[in-house]
Amino acid sequence: MAKIGKKPAKTFPPTEHPRPFQSILWQHLELIRLRRRQRHPWRVIVEELQNQHGITTTQSTVMRFFKRARARLQEGSKGLPLGFDEIVEGSKPEEDNIPKQTPRERLRAEAASLEKKTKEREAKWKFTSPYQDKPARKK
């Protein structure tokens, strides 16, 4: 009796991944970033890493690494593990000195400042109509 249906999917043994920030690509992040700014495809970047630095990897690996690295760098110190941030002892970060506002409070403050500017402009440039002093038309 033959089985009807799909063949079972190929299963690969789990591969051992490096711990966070242990990738050898971290040392070459600036090179990858430079090549991407120059609009080089991933294939060219992988070939350069292999020829100049002896790193054998795939296009998708470099692309996923760069995506993760960019996301971590955009998050700033939030994306770094504990102890990796560069805060000098004895100085407070500038973000701590700024009072925290919710988006709603920020919008209200912006609306209030715009309203204030509008009133100032209206007071400065009071428009009077040339027909203001004329009597109304007779019907």
C-alpha atoms as a PDB file:
ATOM      1  CA  MET A   1       0.000   0.000   0.000  1.00  0.00           C
ATOM      2  CA  ALA A   2       1.460   3.368  -1.060  1.00  0.00           C
ATOM      3  CA  LYS A   3       1.204   6.525   1.002  1.00  0.00           C
ATOM      4  CA  ILE A   4      -0.695   9.360  -0.558  1.00  0.00           C
ATOM      5  CA  GLY A   5       0.397  12.924   0.197  1.00  0.00           C
ATOM      6  CA  LYS A   6       3.510  14.979   0.527  1.00  0.00           C
ATOM      7  CA  LYS A   7       6.929  13.706   1.386  1.00  0.00           C
ATOM      8  CA  PRO A   8       8.129  14.670   4.838  1.00  0.00           C
ATOM      9  CA  ALA A   9      10.103  17.908   4.888  1.00  0.00           C
ATOM     10  CA  LYS A  10      13.856  17.677   5.099  1.00  0.00           C
ATOM     11  CA  THR A  11      15.071  18.288   8.578  1.00  0.00           C
ATOM     12  CA  PHE A  12      18.507  19.663   9.219  1.00  0.00           C
ATOM     13  CA  PRO A  13      20.410  19.206  12.443  1.00  0.00           C
ATOM     14  CA  PRO A  14      20.449  22.367  14.548  1.00  0.00           C
ATOM     15  CA  THR A  15      23.497  24.522  13.993  1.00  0.00           C
ATOM     16  CA  GLU A  16      25.308  26.197  16.815  1.00  0.00           C
ATOM     17  CA  HIS A  17      25.054  29.964  16.589  1.00  0.00           C
ATOM     18  CA  PRO A  18      27.516  32.355  18.199  1.00  0.00           C
ATOM     19  CA  ARG A  19      26.428  34.182  21.318  1.00  0.00           C
ATOM     20  CA  PRO A  20      25.259  37.793  20.917  1.00  0.00           C
ATOM     21  CA  PHE A  21      27.987  40.169  19.719  1.00  0.00           C
ATOM     22  CA  GLN A  22      30.317  37.234  18.959  1.00  0.00           C
ATOM     23  CA  SER A  23      29.821  37.263  15.188  1.00  0.00           C
ATOM     24  CA  ILE A  24      32.982  37.797  13.169  1.00  0.00           C
ATOM     25  CA  LEU A  25      31.016  40.207  10.997  1.00  0.00           C
ATOM     26  CA  TRP A  26      30.956  42.831  13.772  1.00  0.00           C
ATOM     27  CA  GLN A  27      34.594  43.609  12.974  1.00  0.00           C
ATOM     28  CA  HIS A  28      33.619  44.357   9.372  1.00  0.00           C
ATOM     29  CA  LEU A  29      30.401  46.284  10.000  1.00  0.00           C
ATOM     30  CA  GLU A  30      31.856  49.559   8.676  1.00  0.00           C
ATOM     31  CA  LEU A  31      32.958  47.847   5.460  1.00  0.00           C
ATOM     32  CA  ILE A  32      29.489  46.356   4.961  1.00  0.00           C
ATOM     33  CA  ARG A  33      27.851  49.717   5.702  1.00  0.00           C
ATOM     34  CA  LEU A  34      30.187  51.511   3.276  1.00  0.00           C
ATOM     35  CA  ARG A  35      29.478  49.037   0.487  1.00  0.00           C
ATOM     36  CA  ARG A  36      25.717  49.258   1.042  1.00  0.00           C
ATOM     37  CA  ARG A  37      25.900  53.066   0.854  1.00  0.00           C
ATOM     38  CA  GLN A  38      27.728  52.641  -2.432  1.00  0.00           C
ATOM     39  CA  ARG A  39      24.783  50.449  -3.578  1.00  0.00           C
ATOM     40  CA  HIS A  40      26.820  47.252  -3.931  1.00  0.00           C
ATOM     41  CA  PRO A  41      24.737  44.042  -3.981  1.00  0.00           C
ATOM     42  CA  TRP A  42      25.110  41.494  -1.183  1.00  0.00           C
ATOM     43  CA  ARG A  43      26.897  39.116  -3.548  1.00  0.00           C
ATOM     44  CA  VAL A  44      29.731  41.626  -4.092  1.00  0.00           C
ATOM     45  CA  ILE A  45      30.052  42.251  -0.354  1.00  0.00           C
ATOM     46  CA  VAL A  46      30.284  38.503   0.350  1.00  0.00           C
ATOM     47  CA  GLU A  47      32.944  38.090  -2.342  1.00  0.00           C
ATOM     48  CA  GLU A  48      34.966  40.967  -0.891  1.00  0.00           C
ATOM     49  CA  LEU A  49      34.739  39.517   2.624  1.00  0.00           C
ATOM     50  CA  GLN A  50      35.924  36.169   1.320  1.00  0.00           C
ATOM     51  CA  ASN A  51      38.750  37.485  -0.873  1.00  0.00           C
ATOM     52  CA  GLN A  52      40.162  40.160   1.441  1.00  0.00           C
ATOM     53  CA  HIS A  53      39.364  38.824   4.912  1.00  0.00           C
ATOM     54  CA  GLY A  54      38.947  35.072   4.414  1.00  0.00           C
ATOM     55  CA  ILE A  55      35.383  34.971   5.775  1.00  0.00           C
ATOM     56  CA  THR A  56      33.202  32.377   4.084  1.00  0.00           C
ATOM     57  CA  THR A  57      29.535  33.171   4.472  1.00  0.00           C
ATOM     58  CA  THR A  58      26.372  33.540   2.423  1.00  0.00           C
ATOM     59  CA  GLN A  59      24.506  36.560   1.138  1.00  0.00           C
ATOM     60  CA  SER A  60      21.541  35.969   3.401  1.00  0.00           C
ATOM     61  CA  THR A  61      23.783  35.698   6.476  1.00  0.00           C
ATOM     62  CA  VAL A  62      25.401  39.058   5.790  1.00  0.00           C
ATOM     63  CA  MET A  63      22.032  40.627   5.013  1.00  0.00           C
ATOM     64  CA  ARG A  64      20.427  39.342   8.241  1.00  0.00           C
ATOM     65  CA  PHE A  65      23.486  40.394  10.277  1.00  0.00           C
ATOM     66  CA  PHE A  66      23.377  43.893   8.812  1.00  0.00           C
ATOM     67  CA  LYS A  67      19.645  44.166   9.467  1.00  0.00           C
ATOM     68  CA  ARG A  68      20.118  43.158  13.120  1.00  0.00           C
ATOM     69  CA  ALA A  69      23.126  45.434  13.584  1.00  0.00           C
ATOM     70  CA  ARG A  70      21.333  48.404  12.056  1.00  0.00           C
ATOM     71  CA  ALA A  71      18.304  47.852  14.270  1.00  0.00           C
ATOM     72  CA  ARG A  72      20.488  47.679  17.368  1.00  0.00           C
ATOM     73  CA  LEU A  73      22.427  50.792  16.427  1.00  0.00           C
ATOM     74  CA  GLN A  74      19.237  52.731  15.690  1.00  0.00           C
ATOM     75  CA  GLU A  75      17.893  51.860  19.126  1.00  0.00           C
ATOM     76  CA  GLY A  76      21.001  53.452  20.613  1.00  0.00           C
ATOM     77  CA  SER A  77      21.956  52.349  24.080  1.00  0.00           C
ATOM     78  CA  LYS A  78      18.689  50.405  24.418  1.00  0.00           C
ATOM     79  CA  GLY A  79      19.921  47.884  21.842  1.00  0.00           C
ATOM     80  CA  LEU A  80      23.197  47.216  23.619  1.00  0.00           C
ATOM     81  CA  PRO A  81      23.569  44.691  26.408  1.00  0.00           C
ATOM     82  CA  LEU A  82      24.028  45.857  29.975  1.00  0.00           C
ATOM     83  CA  GLY A  83      27.405  47.527  30.435  1.00  0.00           C
ATOM     84  CA  PHE A  84      28.082  48.235  26.751  1.00  0.00           C
ATOM     85  CA  ASP A  85      26.802  51.808  26.745  1.00  0.00           C
ATOM     86  CA  GLU A  86      29.311  54.653  26.754  1.00  0.00           C
ATOM     87  CA  ILE A  87      28.135  56.854  29.614  1.00  0.00           C
ATOM     88  CA  VAL A  88      30.895  58.648  31.479  1.00  0.00           C
ATOM     89  CA  GLU A  89      30.635  58.322  35.236  1.00  0.00           C
ATOM     90  CA  GLY A  90      29.570  61.456  37.063  1.00  0.00           C
ATOM     91  CA  SER A  91      27.650  62.910  34.123  1.00  0.00           C
ATOM     92  CA  LYS A  92      23.958  62.529  33.495  1.00  0.00           C
ATOM     93  CA  PRO A  93      22.725  61.710  30.019  1.00  0.00           C
ATOM     94  CA  GLU A  94      20.970  64.604  28.300  1.00  0.00           C
ATOM     95  CA  GLU A  95      17.801  62.549  27.975  1.00  0.00           C
ATOM     96  CA  ASP A  96      17.398  62.442  31.771  1.00  0.00           C
ATOM     97  CA  ASN A  97      17.376  66.252  32.004  1.00  0.00           C
ATOM     98  CA  ILE A  98      14.479  66.583  29.550  1.00  0.00           C
ATOM     99  CA  PRO A  99      11.069  66.102  31.181  1.00  0.00           C
ATOM    100  CA  LYS A 100       9.255  63.141  29.707  1.00  0.00           C
ATOM    101  CA  GLN A 101       6.079  64.001  27.794  1.00  0.00           C
ATOM    102  CA  THR A 102       3.433  61.711  26.493  1.00  0.00           C
ATOM    103  CA  PRO A 103       2.520  62.109  22.826  1.00  0.00           C
ATOM    104  CA  ARG A 104      -0.786  63.682  23.833  1.00  0.00           C
ATOM    105  CA  GLU A 105       0.933  66.297  26.029  1.00  0.00           C
ATOM    106  CA  ARG A 106       3.418  67.067  23.244  1.00  0.00           C
ATOM    107  CA  LEU A 107       0.561  67.568  20.740  1.00  0.00           C
ATOM    108  CA  ARG A 108      -1.290  69.835  23.147  1.00  0.00           C
ATOM    109  CA  ALA A 109       1.833  71.937  23.688  1.00  0.00           C
ATOM    110  CA  GLU A 110       2.390  72.244  19.932  1.00  0.00           C
ATOM    111  CA  ALA A 111      -1.261  73.211  19.381  1.00  0.00           C
ATOM    112  CA  ALA A 112      -1.065  75.839  22.121  1.00  0.00           C
ATOM    113  CA  SER A 113       2.108  77.362  20.640  1.00  0.00           C
ATOM    114  CA  LEU A 114       0.555  77.452  17.146  1.00  0.00           C
ATOM    115  CA  GLU A 115      -2.576  79.086  18.509  1.00  0.00           C
ATOM    116  CA  LYS A 116      -0.473  81.675  20.333  1.00  0.00           C
ATOM    117  CA  LYS A 117       1.498  82.462  17.149  1.00  0.00           C
ATOM    118  CA  THR A 118      -1.733  82.813  15.169  1.00  0.00           C
ATOM    119  CA  LYS A 119      -3.196  85.260  17.683  1.00  0.00           C
ATOM    120  CA  GLU A 120       0.018  87.301  17.657  1.00  0.00           C
ATOM    121  CA  ARG A 121      -0.075  87.512  13.859  1.00  0.00           C
ATOM    122  CA  GLU A 122      -3.739  88.512  13.849  1.00  0.00           C
ATOM    123  CA  ALA A 123      -3.077  91.234  16.407  1.00  0.00           C
ATOM    124  CA  LYS A 124      -0.109  92.526  14.417  1.00  0.00           C
ATOM    125  CA  TRP A 125      -1.835  92.493  11.038  1.00  0.00           C
ATOM    126  CA  LYS A 126      -5.370  93.479  11.898  1.00  0.00           C
ATOM    127  CA  PHE A 127      -7.281  93.449   8.638  1.00  0.00           C
ATOM    128  CA  THR A 128      -9.856  96.116   8.063  1.00  0.00           C
ATOM    129  CA  SER A 129     -12.122  96.082   5.082  1.00  0.00           C
ATOM    130  CA  PRO A 130     -12.348  99.202   2.911  1.00  0.00           C
ATOM    131  CA  TYR A 131     -16.115  98.678   2.854  1.00  0.00           C
ATOM    132  CA  GLN A 132     -16.419  98.544   6.612  1.00  0.00           C
ATOM    133  CA  ASP A 133     -17.606 102.158   7.069  1.00  0.00           C
ATOM    134  CA  LYS A 134     -20.076 102.182   4.151  1.00  0.00           C
ATOM    135  CA  PRO A 135     -23.760 101.818   4.890  1.00  0.00           C
ATOM    136  CA  ALA A 136     -25.566  98.668   3.860  1.00  0.00           C
ATOM    137  CA  ARG A 137     -27.214  98.538   0.467  1.00  0.00           C
ATOM    138  CA  LYS A 138     -30.832  99.372   0.074  1.00  0.00           C
ATOM    139  CA  LYS A 139     -33.014  96.774  -1.491  1.00  0.00           C
END
